[in-house]
């Protein structure tokens, strides 16, 4: 069974930057469309960004466009979410998500906390 390992969360001041990383437990990244979602306290989990298996297509939530960048390196088996100009409202648990290309089944990471102080 494939698992996703996330890293890079932490505490940062508003205006600062953080980089989140996600890696599958097996070297299969090229078979997965990847994404990041987040869930703030008392709120539903929401979409942040996705990137297709080749890296040729990305999508972002309006709230993070121009500030966050999702990228992937299939050779290194890693997906990255670079978060710049962070705001207190970006505070949430961030989850890595993977979908097998052409299928509906998906995998979730355990989540990593991002806290932005004002």
PDB file of N, CA and C in Angstrom:
ATOM      1  N   UNK A   1       0.844  -1.198   0.000  1.00  0.00           N
ATOM      2  CA  UNK A   1       0.000   0.000   0.000  1.00  0.00           C
ATOM      3  C   UNK A   1       0.876   1.243   0.000  1.00  0.00           C
ATOM      4  N   UNK A   2       0.551   2.189  -0.855  1.00  0.00           N
ATOM      5  CA  UNK A   2       1.350   3.402  -0.975  1.00  0.00           C
ATOM      6  C   UNK A   2       0.931   4.401   0.087  1.00  0.00           C
ATOM      7  N   UNK A   3       1.916   5.010   0.725  1.00  0.00           N
ATOM      8  CA  UNK A   3       1.652   6.078   1.678  1.00  0.00           C
ATOM      9  C   UNK A   3       2.348   7.348   1.205  1.00  0.00           C
ATOM     10  N   UNK A   4       1.814   8.486   1.674  1.00  0.00           N
ATOM     11  CA  UNK A   4       2.394   9.775   1.334  1.00  0.00           C
ATOM     12  C   UNK A   4       3.020  10.375   2.585  1.00  0.00           C
ATOM     13  N   UNK A   5       4.247  10.848   2.458  1.00  0.00           N
ATOM     14  CA  UNK A   5       4.944  11.474   3.579  1.00  0.00           C
ATOM     15  C   UNK A   5       5.119  12.955   3.303  1.00  0.00           C
ATOM     16  N   UNK A   6       4.562  13.783   4.177  1.00  0.00           N
ATOM     17  CA  UNK A   6       4.660  15.229   4.027  1.00  0.00           C
ATOM     18  C   UNK A   6       5.690  15.785   4.998  1.00  0.00           C
ATOM     19  N   UNK A   7       6.269  16.907   4.629  1.00  0.00           N
ATOM     20  CA  UNK A   7       7.217  17.590   5.506  1.00  0.00           C
ATOM     21  C   UNK A   7       7.232  19.065   5.154  1.00  0.00           C
ATOM     22  N   UNK A   8       7.770  19.884   6.078  1.00  0.00           N
ATOM     23  CA  UNK A   8       7.984  21.287   5.792  1.00  0.00           C
ATOM     24  C   UNK A   8       7.051  22.262   6.475  1.00  0.00           C
ATOM     25  N   UNK A   9       6.075  21.780   7.206  1.00  0.00           N
ATOM     26  CA  UNK A   9       5.186  22.701   7.903  1.00  0.00           C
ATOM     27  C   UNK A   9       5.901  23.403   9.052  1.00  0.00           C
ATOM     28  N   UNK A  10       5.214  24.370   9.644  1.00  0.00           N
ATOM     29  CA  UNK A  10       5.807  25.077  10.766  1.00  0.00           C
ATOM     30  C   UNK A  10       5.111  26.387  11.042  1.00  0.00           C
ATOM     31  N   UNK A  11       5.781  27.217  11.826  1.00  0.00           N
ATOM     32  CA  UNK A  11       5.264  28.525  12.221  1.00  0.00           C
ATOM     33  C   UNK A  11       6.061  29.612  11.505  1.00  0.00           C
ATOM     34  N   UNK A  12       5.350  30.560  10.922  1.00  0.00           N
ATOM     35  CA  UNK A  12       5.998  31.652  10.193  1.00  0.00           C
ATOM     36  C   UNK A  12       5.195  32.919  10.392  1.00  0.00           C
ATOM     37  N   UNK A  13       5.870  34.056  10.307  1.00  0.00           N
ATOM     38  CA  UNK A  13       5.164  35.325  10.402  1.00  0.00           C
ATOM     39  C   UNK A  13       4.510  35.670   9.082  1.00  0.00           C
ATOM     40  N   UNK A  14       3.479  36.484   9.152  1.00  0.00           N
ATOM     41  CA  UNK A  14       2.801  36.936   7.937  1.00  0.00           C
ATOM     42  C   UNK A  14       3.817  37.586   6.995  1.00  0.00           C
ATOM     43  N   UNK A  15       3.681  37.267   5.719  1.00  0.00           N
ATOM     44  CA  UNK A  15       4.618  37.757   4.727  1.00  0.00           C
ATOM     45  C   UNK A  15       5.774  36.817   4.463  1.00  0.00           C
ATOM     46  N   UNK A  16       5.926  35.816   5.302  1.00  0.00           N
ATOM     47  CA  UNK A  16       7.023  34.874   5.162  1.00  0.00           C
ATOM     48  C   UNK A  16       6.716  33.760   4.179  1.00  0.00           C
ATOM     49  N   UNK A  17       7.622  32.796   4.121  1.00  0.00           N
ATOM     50  CA  UNK A  17       7.508  31.692   3.167  1.00  0.00           C
ATOM     51  C   UNK A  17       7.740  30.350   3.855  1.00  0.00           C
ATOM     52  N   UNK A  18       7.125  29.334   3.297  1.00  0.00           N
ATOM     53  CA  UNK A  18       7.355  27.946   3.699  1.00  0.00           C
ATOM     54  C   UNK A  18       7.311  27.085   2.454  1.00  0.00           C
ATOM     55  N   UNK A  19       8.010  25.944   2.534  1.00  0.00           N
ATOM     56  CA  UNK A  19       7.969  24.983   1.441  1.00  0.00           C
ATOM     57  C   UNK A  19       7.560  23.638   1.999  1.00  0.00           C
ATOM     58  N   UNK A  20       6.484  23.096   1.445  1.00  0.00           N
ATOM     59  CA  UNK A  20       6.006  21.776   1.815  1.00  0.00           C
ATOM     60  C   UNK A  20       6.446  20.764   0.763  1.00  0.00           C
ATOM     61  N   UNK A  21       6.782  19.565   1.230  1.00  0.00           N
ATOM     62  CA  UNK A  21       7.159  18.490   0.324  1.00  0.00           C
ATOM     63  C   UNK A  21       6.318  17.253   0.606  1.00  0.00           C
ATOM     64  N   UNK A  22       6.141  16.457  -0.420  1.00  0.00           N
ATOM     65  CA  UNK A  22       5.371  15.219  -0.306  1.00  0.00           C
ATOM     66  C   UNK A  22       6.032  14.164  -1.171  1.00  0.00           C
ATOM     67  N   UNK A  23       6.205  12.973  -0.612  1.00  0.00           N
ATOM     68  CA  UNK A  23       6.824  11.888  -1.364  1.00  0.00           C
ATOM     69  C   UNK A  23       6.071  10.590  -1.127  1.00  0.00           C
ATOM     70  N   UNK A  24       5.730   9.860  -2.191  1.00  0.00           N
ATOM     71  CA  UNK A  24       5.124   8.533  -2.022  1.00  0.00           C
ATOM     72  C   UNK A  24       6.152   7.549  -1.450  1.00  0.00           C
ATOM     73  N   UNK A  25       5.663   6.535  -0.781  1.00  0.00           N
ATOM     74  CA  UNK A  25       6.547   5.556  -0.151  1.00  0.00           C
ATOM     75  C   UNK A  25       7.197   4.620  -1.161  1.00  0.00           C
ATOM     76  N   UNK A  26       6.693   4.644  -2.397  1.00  0.00           N
ATOM     77  CA  UNK A  26       7.323   3.907  -3.482  1.00  0.00           C
ATOM     78  C   UNK A  26       7.586   4.866  -4.634  1.00  0.00           C
ATOM     79  N   UNK A  27       8.533   4.512  -5.489  1.00  0.00           N
ATOM     80  CA  UNK A  27       8.925   5.390  -6.594  1.00  0.00           C
ATOM     81  C   UNK A  27       7.920   5.247  -7.744  1.00  0.00           C
ATOM     82  N   UNK A  28       6.758   5.859  -7.536  1.00  0.00           N
ATOM     83  CA  UNK A  28       5.673   5.747  -8.516  1.00  0.00           C
ATOM     84  C   UNK A  28       5.084   7.101  -8.854  1.00  0.00           C
ATOM     85  N   UNK A  29       5.789   8.172  -8.535  1.00  0.00           N
ATOM     86  CA  UNK A  29       5.204   9.505  -8.681  1.00  0.00           C
ATOM     87  C   UNK A  29       4.709   9.778 -10.091  1.00  0.00           C
ATOM     88  N   UNK A  30       5.379   9.257 -11.088  1.00  0.00           N
ATOM     89  CA  UNK A  30       4.988   9.527 -12.478  1.00  0.00           C
ATOM     90  C   UNK A  30       3.641   8.910 -12.842  1.00  0.00           C
ATOM     91  N   UNK A  31       3.097   8.067 -11.969  1.00  0.00           N
ATOM     92  CA  UNK A  31       1.790   7.454 -12.215  1.00  0.00           C
ATOM     93  C   UNK A  31       0.683   8.160 -11.449  1.00  0.00           C
ATOM     94  N   UNK A  32       1.023   9.280 -10.821  1.00  0.00           N
ATOM     95  CA  UNK A  32       0.076   9.961  -9.948  1.00  0.00           C
ATOM     96  C   UNK A  32      -0.118  11.426 -10.336  1.00  0.00           C
ATOM     97  N   UNK A  33      -1.376  11.859 -10.358  1.00  0.00           N
ATOM     98  CA  UNK A  33      -1.692  13.281 -10.339  1.00  0.00           C
ATOM     99  C   UNK A  33      -1.665  13.697  -8.872  1.00  0.00           C
ATOM    100  N   UNK A  34      -1.062  14.838  -8.587  1.00  0.00           N
ATOM    101  CA  UNK A  34      -0.851  15.221  -7.195  1.00  0.00           C
ATOM    102  C   UNK A  34      -1.538  16.536  -6.849  1.00  0.00           C
ATOM    103  N   UNK A  35      -1.818  16.724  -5.572  1.00  0.00           N
ATOM    104  CA  UNK A  35      -2.437  17.957  -5.144  1.00  0.00           C
ATOM    105  C   UNK A  35      -2.202  18.244  -3.681  1.00  0.00           C
ATOM    106  N   UNK A  36      -2.517  19.457  -3.295  1.00  0.00           N
ATOM    107  CA  UNK A  36      -2.495  19.888  -1.896  1.00  0.00           C
ATOM    108  C   UNK A  36      -3.864  20.441  -1.536  1.00  0.00           C
ATOM    109  N   UNK A  37      -4.320  20.060  -0.364  1.00  0.00           N
ATOM    110  CA  UNK A  37      -5.554  20.558   0.204  1.00  0.00           C
ATOM    111  C   UNK A  37      -5.234  21.056   1.610  1.00  0.00           C
ATOM    112  N   UNK A  38      -6.158  21.811   2.181  1.00  0.00           N
ATOM    113  CA  UNK A  38      -5.930  22.282   3.542  1.00  0.00           C
ATOM    114  C   UNK A  38      -7.236  22.330   4.308  1.00  0.00           C
ATOM    115  N   UNK A  39      -7.106  22.247   5.632  1.00  0.00           N
ATOM    116  CA  UNK A  39      -8.279  22.298   6.496  1.00  0.00           C
ATOM    117  C   UNK A  39      -7.962  23.139   7.714  1.00  0.00           C
ATOM    118  N   UNK A  40      -8.671  24.247   7.836  1.00  0.00           N
ATOM    119  CA  UNK A  40      -8.531  25.125   8.997  1.00  0.00           C
ATOM    120  C   UNK A  40      -9.504  24.662  10.076  1.00  0.00           C
ATOM    121  N   UNK A  41      -9.238  25.025  11.336  1.00  0.00           N
ATOM    122  CA  UNK A  41     -10.125  24.618  12.432  1.00  0.00           C
ATOM    123  C   UNK A  41     -11.564  25.064  12.187  1.00  0.00           C
ATOM    124  N   UNK A  42     -12.486  24.137  12.320  1.00  0.00           N
ATOM    125  CA  UNK A  42     -13.890  24.453  12.169  1.00  0.00           C
ATOM    126  C   UNK A  42     -14.360  24.593  10.735  1.00  0.00           C
ATOM    127  N   UNK A  43     -13.474  24.332   9.783  1.00  0.00           N
ATOM    128  CA  UNK A  43     -13.833  24.468   8.368  1.00  0.00           C
ATOM    129  C   UNK A  43     -13.645  23.159   7.634  1.00  0.00           C
ATOM    130  N   UNK A  44     -14.262  23.062   6.470  1.00  0.00           N
ATOM    131  CA  UNK A  44     -14.110  21.875   5.649  1.00  0.00           C
ATOM    132  C   UNK A  44     -12.761  21.911   4.919  1.00  0.00           C
ATOM    133  N   UNK A  45     -12.308  20.724   4.541  1.00  0.00           N
ATOM    134  CA  UNK A  45     -11.086  20.642   3.763  1.00  0.00           C
ATOM    135  C   UNK A  45     -11.311  21.300   2.401  1.00  0.00           C
ATOM    136  N   UNK A  46     -10.342  22.088   1.947  1.00  0.00           N
ATOM    137  CA  UNK A  46     -10.498  22.804   0.690  1.00  0.00           C
ATOM    138  C   UNK A  46      -9.306  22.594  -0.223  1.00  0.00           C
ATOM    139  N   UNK A  47      -9.567  22.713  -1.488  1.00  0.00           N
ATOM    140  CA  UNK A  47      -8.562  22.571  -2.535  1.00  0.00           C
ATOM    141  C   UNK A  47      -7.580  23.736  -2.490  1.00  0.00           C
ATOM    142  N   UNK A  48      -6.300  23.440  -2.683  1.00  0.00           N
ATOM    143  CA  UNK A  48      -5.272  24.477  -2.756  1.00  0.00           C
ATOM    144  C   UNK A  48      -4.635  24.503  -4.147  1.00  0.00           C
ATOM    145  N   UNK A  49      -4.102  23.365  -4.573  1.00  0.00           N
ATOM    146  CA  UNK A  49      -3.417  23.317  -5.875  1.00  0.00           C
ATOM    147  C   UNK A  49      -3.293  21.874  -6.331  1.00  0.00           C
ATOM    148  N   UNK A  50      -3.259  21.683  -7.649  1.00  0.00           N
ATOM    149  CA  UNK A  50      -3.025  20.360  -8.220  1.00  0.00           C
ATOM    150  C   UNK A  50      -2.026  20.467  -9.359  1.00  0.00           C
ATOM    151  N   UNK A  51      -1.387  19.344  -9.647  1.00  0.00           N
ATOM    152  CA  UNK A  51      -0.453  19.258 -10.761  1.00  0.00           C
ATOM    153  C   UNK A  51      -0.607  17.877 -11.381  1.00  0.00           C
ATOM    154  N   UNK A  52      -0.650  17.811 -12.706  1.00  0.00           N
ATOM    155  CA  UNK A  52      -0.877  16.515 -13.329  1.00  0.00           C
ATOM    156  C   UNK A  52       0.414  15.692 -13.329  1.00  0.00           C
ATOM    157  N   UNK A  53       0.329  14.474 -13.802  1.00  0.00           N
ATOM    158  CA  UNK A  53       1.426  13.516 -13.666  1.00  0.00           C
ATOM    159  C   UNK A  53       2.724  14.002 -14.317  1.00  0.00           C
ATOM    160  N   UNK A  54       2.605  14.765 -15.397  1.00  0.00           N
ATOM    161  CA  UNK A  54       3.805  15.197 -16.110  1.00  0.00           C
ATOM    162  C   UNK A  54       4.319  16.551 -15.636  1.00  0.00           C
ATOM    163  N   UNK A  55       3.487  17.266 -14.877  1.00  0.00           N
ATOM    164  CA  UNK A  55       3.850  18.620 -14.494  1.00  0.00           C
ATOM    165  C   UNK A  55       3.437  19.657 -15.520  1.00  0.00           C
ATOM    166  N   UNK A  56       2.768  19.221 -16.572  1.00  0.00           N
ATOM    167  CA  UNK A  56       2.410  20.146 -17.630  1.00  0.00           C
ATOM    168  C   UNK A  56       1.143  20.945 -17.379  1.00  0.00           C
ATOM    169  N   UNK A  57       0.415  20.600 -16.348  1.00  0.00           N
ATOM    170  CA  UNK A  57      -0.836  21.297 -16.042  1.00  0.00           C
ATOM    171  C   UNK A  57      -0.958  21.497 -14.538  1.00  0.00           C
ATOM    172  N   UNK A  58      -1.229  22.723 -14.150  1.00  0.00           N
ATOM    173  CA  UNK A  58      -1.419  23.051 -12.739  1.00  0.00           C
ATOM    174  C   UNK A  58      -2.711  23.854 -12.568  1.00  0.00           C
ATOM    175  N   UNK A  59      -3.284  23.767 -11.380  1.00  0.00           N
ATOM    176  CA  UNK A  59      -4.464  24.548 -11.032  1.00  0.00           C
ATOM    177  C   UNK A  59      -4.307  25.049  -9.603  1.00  0.00           C
ATOM    178  N   UNK A  60      -4.853  26.232  -9.363  1.00  0.00           N
ATOM    179  CA  UNK A  60      -4.742  26.842  -8.040  1.00  0.00           C
ATOM    180  C   UNK A  60      -6.088  27.398  -7.585  1.00  0.00           C
ATOM    181  N   UNK A  61      -6.298  27.369  -6.294  1.00  0.00           N
ATOM    182  CA  UNK A  61      -7.427  28.079  -5.722  1.00  0.00           C
ATOM    183  C   UNK A  61      -7.187  29.574  -5.888  1.00  0.00           C
ATOM    184  N   UNK A  62      -8.263  30.322  -6.072  1.00  0.00           N
ATOM    185  CA  UNK A  62      -8.122  31.768  -6.265  1.00  0.00           C
ATOM    186  C   UNK A  62      -7.397  32.413  -5.083  1.00  0.00           C
ATOM    187  N   UNK A  63      -7.606  31.876  -3.898  1.00  0.00           N
ATOM    188  CA  UNK A  63      -7.045  32.475  -2.694  1.00  0.00           C
ATOM    189  C   UNK A  63      -5.524  32.370  -2.626  1.00  0.00           C
ATOM    190  N   UNK A  64      -4.915  31.487  -3.430  1.00  0.00           N
ATOM    191  CA  UNK A  64      -3.463  31.308  -3.357  1.00  0.00           C
ATOM    192  C   UNK A  64      -2.755  31.649  -4.665  1.00  0.00           C
ATOM    193  N   UNK A  65      -3.504  31.967  -5.692  1.00  0.00           N
ATOM    194  CA  UNK A  65      -2.890  32.292  -6.986  1.00  0.00           C
ATOM    195  C   UNK A  65      -1.919  33.460  -6.843  1.00  0.00           C
ATOM    196  N   UNK A  66      -0.760  33.292  -7.463  1.00  0.00           N
ATOM    197  CA  UNK A  66       0.256  34.333  -7.401  1.00  0.00           C
ATOM    198  C   UNK A  66       1.138  34.273  -6.173  1.00  0.00           C
ATOM    199  N   UNK A  67       0.747  33.447  -5.194  1.00  0.00           N
ATOM    200  CA  UNK A  67       1.539  33.325  -3.964  1.00  0.00           C
ATOM    201  C   UNK A  67       2.120  31.913  -3.788  1.00  0.00           C
ATOM    202  N   UNK A  68       1.363  30.906  -4.203  1.00  0.00           N
ATOM    203  CA  UNK A  68       1.788  29.517  -4.049  1.00  0.00           C
ATOM    204  C   UNK A  68       2.163  28.937  -5.408  1.00  0.00           C
ATOM    205  N   UNK A  69       3.147  28.042  -5.395  1.00  0.00           N
ATOM    206  CA  UNK A  69       3.551  27.352  -6.612  1.00  0.00           C
ATOM    207  C   UNK A  69       3.709  25.867  -6.320  1.00  0.00           C
ATOM    208  N   UNK A  70       3.008  25.045  -7.093  1.00  0.00           N
ATOM    209  CA  UNK A  70       3.146  23.602  -6.975  1.00  0.00           C
ATOM    210  C   UNK A  70       4.066  23.116  -8.076  1.00  0.00           C
ATOM    211  N   UNK A  71       4.953  22.197  -7.742  1.00  0.00           N
ATOM    212  CA  UNK A  71       5.874  21.651  -8.733  1.00  0.00           C
ATOM    213  C   UNK A  71       6.172  20.200  -8.370  1.00  0.00           C
ATOM    214  N   UNK A  72       6.798  19.504  -9.297  1.00  0.00           N
ATOM    215  CA  UNK A  72       7.113  18.102  -9.047  1.00  0.00           C
ATOM    216  C   UNK A  72       8.414  17.735  -9.743  1.00  0.00           C
ATOM    217  N   UNK A  73       9.090  16.773  -9.170  1.00  0.00           N
ATOM    218  CA  UNK A  73      10.293  16.212  -9.772  1.00  0.00           C
ATOM    219  C   UNK A  73      10.118  14.702  -9.720  1.00  0.00           C
ATOM    220  N   UNK A  74       9.673  14.131 -10.825  1.00  0.00           N
ATOM    221  CA  UNK A  74       9.386  12.695 -10.840  1.00  0.00           C
ATOM    222  C   UNK A  74      10.650  11.866 -10.600  1.00  0.00           C
ATOM    223  N   UNK A  75      11.785  12.387 -11.044  1.00  0.00           N
ATOM    224  CA  UNK A  75      13.043  11.654 -10.842  1.00  0.00           C
ATOM    225  C   UNK A  75      13.397  11.574  -9.359  1.00  0.00           C
ATOM    226  N   UNK A  76      13.045  12.621  -8.613  1.00  0.00           N
ATOM    227  CA  UNK A  76      13.308  12.638  -7.175  1.00  0.00           C
ATOM    228  C   UNK A  76      12.105  12.161  -6.363  1.00  0.00           C
ATOM    229  N   UNK A  77      11.020  11.815  -7.088  1.00  0.00           N
ATOM    230  CA  UNK A  77       9.825  11.281  -6.423  1.00  0.00           C
ATOM    231  C   UNK A  77       9.253  12.245  -5.389  1.00  0.00           C
ATOM    232  N   UNK A  78       9.243  13.542  -5.733  1.00  0.00           N
ATOM    233  CA  UNK A  78       8.833  14.553  -4.764  1.00  0.00           C
ATOM    234  C   UNK A  78       7.955  15.616  -5.415  1.00  0.00           C
ATOM    235  N   UNK A  79       6.929  16.029  -4.677  1.00  0.00           N
ATOM    236  CA  UNK A  79       6.088  17.153  -5.059  1.00  0.00           C
ATOM    237  C   UNK A  79       6.281  18.245  -4.015  1.00  0.00           C
ATOM    238  N   UNK A  80       6.346  19.491  -4.474  1.00  0.00           N
ATOM    239  CA  UNK A  80       6.621  20.610  -3.589  1.00  0.00           C
ATOM    240  C   UNK A  80       5.544  21.678  -3.720  1.00  0.00           C
ATOM    241  N   UNK A  81       5.195  22.277  -2.607  1.00  0.00           N
ATOM    242  CA  UNK A  81       4.313  23.448  -2.605  1.00  0.00           C
ATOM    243  C   UNK A  81       5.099  24.600  -1.974  1.00  0.00           C
ATOM    244  N   UNK A  82       5.504  25.539  -2.805  1.00  0.00           N
ATOM    245  CA  UNK A  82       6.203  26.727  -2.331  1.00  0.00           C
ATOM    246  C   UNK A  82       5.164  27.785  -1.995  1.00  0.00           C
ATOM    247  N   UNK A  83       5.181  28.228  -0.741  1.00  0.00           N
ATOM    248  CA  UNK A  83       4.182  29.181  -0.276  1.00  0.00           C
ATOM    249  C   UNK A  83       4.879  30.483   0.112  1.00  0.00           C
ATOM    250  N   UNK A  84       4.567  31.551  -0.614  1.00  0.00           N
ATOM    251  CA  UNK A  84       5.156  32.864  -0.352  1.00  0.00           C
ATOM    252  C   UNK A  84       4.067  33.841   0.084  1.00  0.00           C
ATOM    253  N   UNK A  85       4.486  34.933   0.639  1.00  0.00           N
ATOM    254  CA  UNK A  85       3.561  35.988   1.079  1.00  0.00           C
ATOM    255  C   UNK A  85       2.432  35.399   1.917  1.00  0.00           C
ATOM    256  N   UNK A  86       2.787  34.583   2.869  1.00  0.00           N
ATOM    257  CA  UNK A  86       1.784  33.895   3.672  1.00  0.00           C
ATOM    258  C   UNK A  86       0.973  34.866   4.514  1.00  0.00           C
ATOM    259  N   UNK A  87      -0.307  34.505   4.684  1.00  0.00           N
ATOM    260  CA  UNK A  87      -1.252  35.308   5.443  1.00  0.00           C
ATOM    261  C   UNK A  87      -1.781  34.484   6.619  1.00  0.00           C
ATOM    262  N   UNK A  88      -2.256  35.140   7.663  1.00  0.00           N
ATOM    263  CA  UNK A  88      -2.831  34.380   8.786  1.00  0.00           C
ATOM    264  C   UNK A  88      -3.949  33.438   8.338  1.00  0.00           C
ATOM    265  N   UNK A  89      -4.701  33.818   7.326  1.00  0.00           N
ATOM    266  CA  UNK A  89      -5.786  32.964   6.853  1.00  0.00           C
ATOM    267  C   UNK A  89      -5.290  31.717   6.112  1.00  0.00           C
ATOM    268  N   UNK A  90      -3.993  31.612   5.881  1.00  0.00           N
ATOM    269  CA  UNK A  90      -3.426  30.390   5.308  1.00  0.00           C
ATOM    270  C   UNK A  90      -3.175  29.330   6.384  1.00  0.00           C
ATOM    271  N   UNK A  91      -3.364  29.695   7.627  1.00  0.00           N
ATOM    272  CA  UNK A  91      -3.166  28.749   8.726  1.00  0.00           C
ATOM    273  C   UNK A  91      -4.121  27.573   8.597  1.00  0.00           C
ATOM    274  N   UNK A  92      -3.566  26.370   8.579  1.00  0.00           N
ATOM    275  CA  UNK A  92      -4.362  25.159   8.397  1.00  0.00           C
ATOM    276  C   UNK A  92      -3.448  23.946   8.469  1.00  0.00           C
ATOM    277  N   UNK A  93      -4.076  22.782   8.500  1.00  0.00           N
ATOM    278  CA  UNK A  93      -3.345  21.547   8.261  1.00  0.00           C
ATOM    279  C   UNK A  93      -3.368  21.301   6.753  1.00  0.00           C
ATOM    280  N   UNK A  94      -2.207  21.111   6.179  1.00  0.00           N
ATOM    281  CA  UNK A  94      -2.080  20.906   4.734  1.00  0.00           C
ATOM    282  C   UNK A  94      -1.893  19.413   4.449  1.00  0.00           C
ATOM    283  N   UNK A  95      -2.702  18.923   3.515  1.00  0.00           N
ATOM    284  CA  UNK A  95      -2.692  17.509   3.173  1.00  0.00           C
ATOM    285  C   UNK A  95      -2.233  17.309   1.735  1.00  0.00           C
ATOM    286  N   UNK A  96      -1.339  16.373   1.557  1.00  0.00           N
ATOM    287  CA  UNK A  96      -0.936  15.952   0.226  1.00  0.00           C
ATOM    288  C   UNK A  96      -1.936  14.908  -0.279  1.00  0.00           C
ATOM    289  N   UNK A  97      -2.258  14.988  -1.563  1.00  0.00           N
ATOM    290  CA  UNK A  97      -3.229  14.080  -2.168  1.00  0.00           C
ATOM    291  C   UNK A  97      -2.669  13.500  -3.453  1.00  0.00           C
ATOM    292  N   UNK A  98      -2.922  12.233  -3.682  1.00  0.00           N
ATOM    293  CA  UNK A  98      -2.471  11.589  -4.919  1.00  0.00           C
ATOM    294  C   UNK A  98      -3.609  10.814  -5.546  1.00  0.00           C
ATOM    295  N   UNK A  99      -3.733  10.920  -6.858  1.00  0.00           N
ATOM    296  CA  UNK A  99      -4.733  10.148  -7.608  1.00  0.00           C
ATOM    297  C   UNK A  99      -4.022   9.375  -8.700  1.00  0.00           C
ATOM    298  N   UNK A 100      -4.346   8.101  -8.794  1.00  0.00           N
ATOM    299  CA  UNK A 100      -3.785   7.292  -9.871  1.00  0.00           C
ATOM    300  C   UNK A 100      -4.309   7.822 -11.200  1.00  0.00           C
ATOM    301  N   UNK A 101      -3.432   8.051 -12.142  1.00  0.00           N
ATOM    302  CA  UNK A 101      -3.809   8.590 -13.445  1.00  0.00           C
ATOM    303  C   UNK A 101      -4.860   7.699 -14.088  1.00  0.00           C
ATOM    304  N   UNK A 102      -5.976   8.303 -14.467  1.00  0.00           N
ATOM    305  CA  UNK A 102      -7.045   7.573 -15.139  1.00  0.00           C
ATOM    306  C   UNK A 102      -7.997   6.836 -14.220  1.00  0.00           C
ATOM    307  N   UNK A 103      -7.757   6.896 -12.925  1.00  0.00           N
ATOM    308  CA  UNK A 103      -8.611   6.209 -11.964  1.00  0.00           C
ATOM    309  C   UNK A 103      -9.178   7.201 -10.946  1.00  0.00           C
ATOM    310  N   UNK A 104     -10.154   6.753 -10.180  1.00  0.00           N
ATOM    311  CA  UNK A 104     -10.761   7.628  -9.182  1.00  0.00           C
ATOM    312  C   UNK A 104     -10.164   7.432  -7.787  1.00  0.00           C
ATOM    313  N   UNK A 105      -9.448   6.339  -7.589  1.00  0.00           N
ATOM    314  CA  UNK A 105      -8.907   6.073  -6.256  1.00  0.00           C
ATOM    315  C   UNK A 105      -7.838   7.096  -5.913  1.00  0.00           C
ATOM    316  N   UNK A 106      -7.769   7.460  -4.645  1.00  0.00           N
ATOM    317  CA  UNK A 106      -6.828   8.470  -4.216  1.00  0.00           C
ATOM    318  C   UNK A 106      -6.240   8.122  -2.852  1.00  0.00           C
ATOM    319  N   UNK A 107      -5.142   8.801  -2.547  1.00  0.00           N
ATOM    320  CA  UNK A 107      -4.400   8.574  -1.316  1.00  0.00           C
ATOM    321  C   UNK A 107      -4.207   9.918  -0.633  1.00  0.00           C
ATOM    322  N   UNK A 108      -4.282   9.925   0.688  1.00  0.00           N
ATOM    323  CA  UNK A 108      -4.070  11.149   1.470  1.00  0.00           C
ATOM    324  C   UNK A 108      -2.860  10.982   2.388  1.00  0.00           C
ATOM    325  N   UNK A 109      -2.129  12.064   2.560  1.00  0.00           N
ATOM    326  CA  UNK A 109      -1.077  12.093   3.545  1.00  0.00           C
ATOM    327  C   UNK A 109      -1.668  12.346   4.925  1.00  0.00           C
ATOM    328  N   UNK A 110      -0.803  12.332   5.922  1.00  0.00           N
ATOM    329  CA  UNK A 110      -1.275  12.499   7.300  1.00  0.00           C
ATOM    330  C   UNK A 110      -1.485  13.958   7.676  1.00  0.00           C
ATOM    331  N   UNK A 111      -0.969  14.875   6.870  1.00  0.00           N
ATOM    332  CA  UNK A 111      -1.154  16.298   7.120  1.00  0.00           C
ATOM    333  C   UNK A 111       0.029  16.921   7.840  1.00  0.00           C
ATOM    334  N   UNK A 112       0.266  18.179   7.540  1.00  0.00           N
ATOM    335  CA  UNK A 112       1.326  18.928   8.212  1.00  0.00           C
ATOM    336  C   UNK A 112       0.791  20.321   8.567  1.00  0.00           C
ATOM    337  N   UNK A 113       1.060  20.764   9.782  1.00  0.00           N
ATOM    338  CA  UNK A 113       0.496  22.019  10.266  1.00  0.00           C
ATOM    339  C   UNK A 113       1.283  23.209   9.747  1.00  0.00           C
ATOM    340  N   UNK A 114       0.556  24.182   9.241  1.00  0.00           N
ATOM    341  CA  UNK A 114       1.133  25.474   8.855  1.00  0.00           C
ATOM    342  C   UNK A 114       0.427  26.547   9.670  1.00  0.00           C
ATOM    343  N   UNK A 115       1.202  27.333  10.404  1.00  0.00           N
ATOM    344  CA  UNK A 115       0.642  28.396  11.221  1.00  0.00           C
ATOM    345  C   UNK A 115       1.308  29.712  10.852  1.00  0.00           C
ATOM    346  N   UNK A 116       0.491  30.689  10.489  1.00  0.00           N
ATOM    347  CA  UNK A 116       0.991  32.008  10.101  1.00  0.00           C
ATOM    348  C   UNK A 116       0.527  33.009  11.137  1.00  0.00           C
ATOM    349  N   UNK A 117       1.469  33.635  11.801  1.00  0.00           N
ATOM    350  CA  UNK A 117       1.138  34.610  12.837  1.00  0.00           C
ATOM    351  C   UNK A 117       1.083  36.015  12.251  1.00  0.00           C
ATOM    352  N   UNK A 118       0.231  36.824  12.829  1.00  0.00           N
ATOM    353  CA  UNK A 118       0.058  38.202  12.322  1.00  0.00           C
ATOM    354  C   UNK A 118       1.009  39.156  12.997  1.00  0.00           C
TER     355      UNK A 118
END
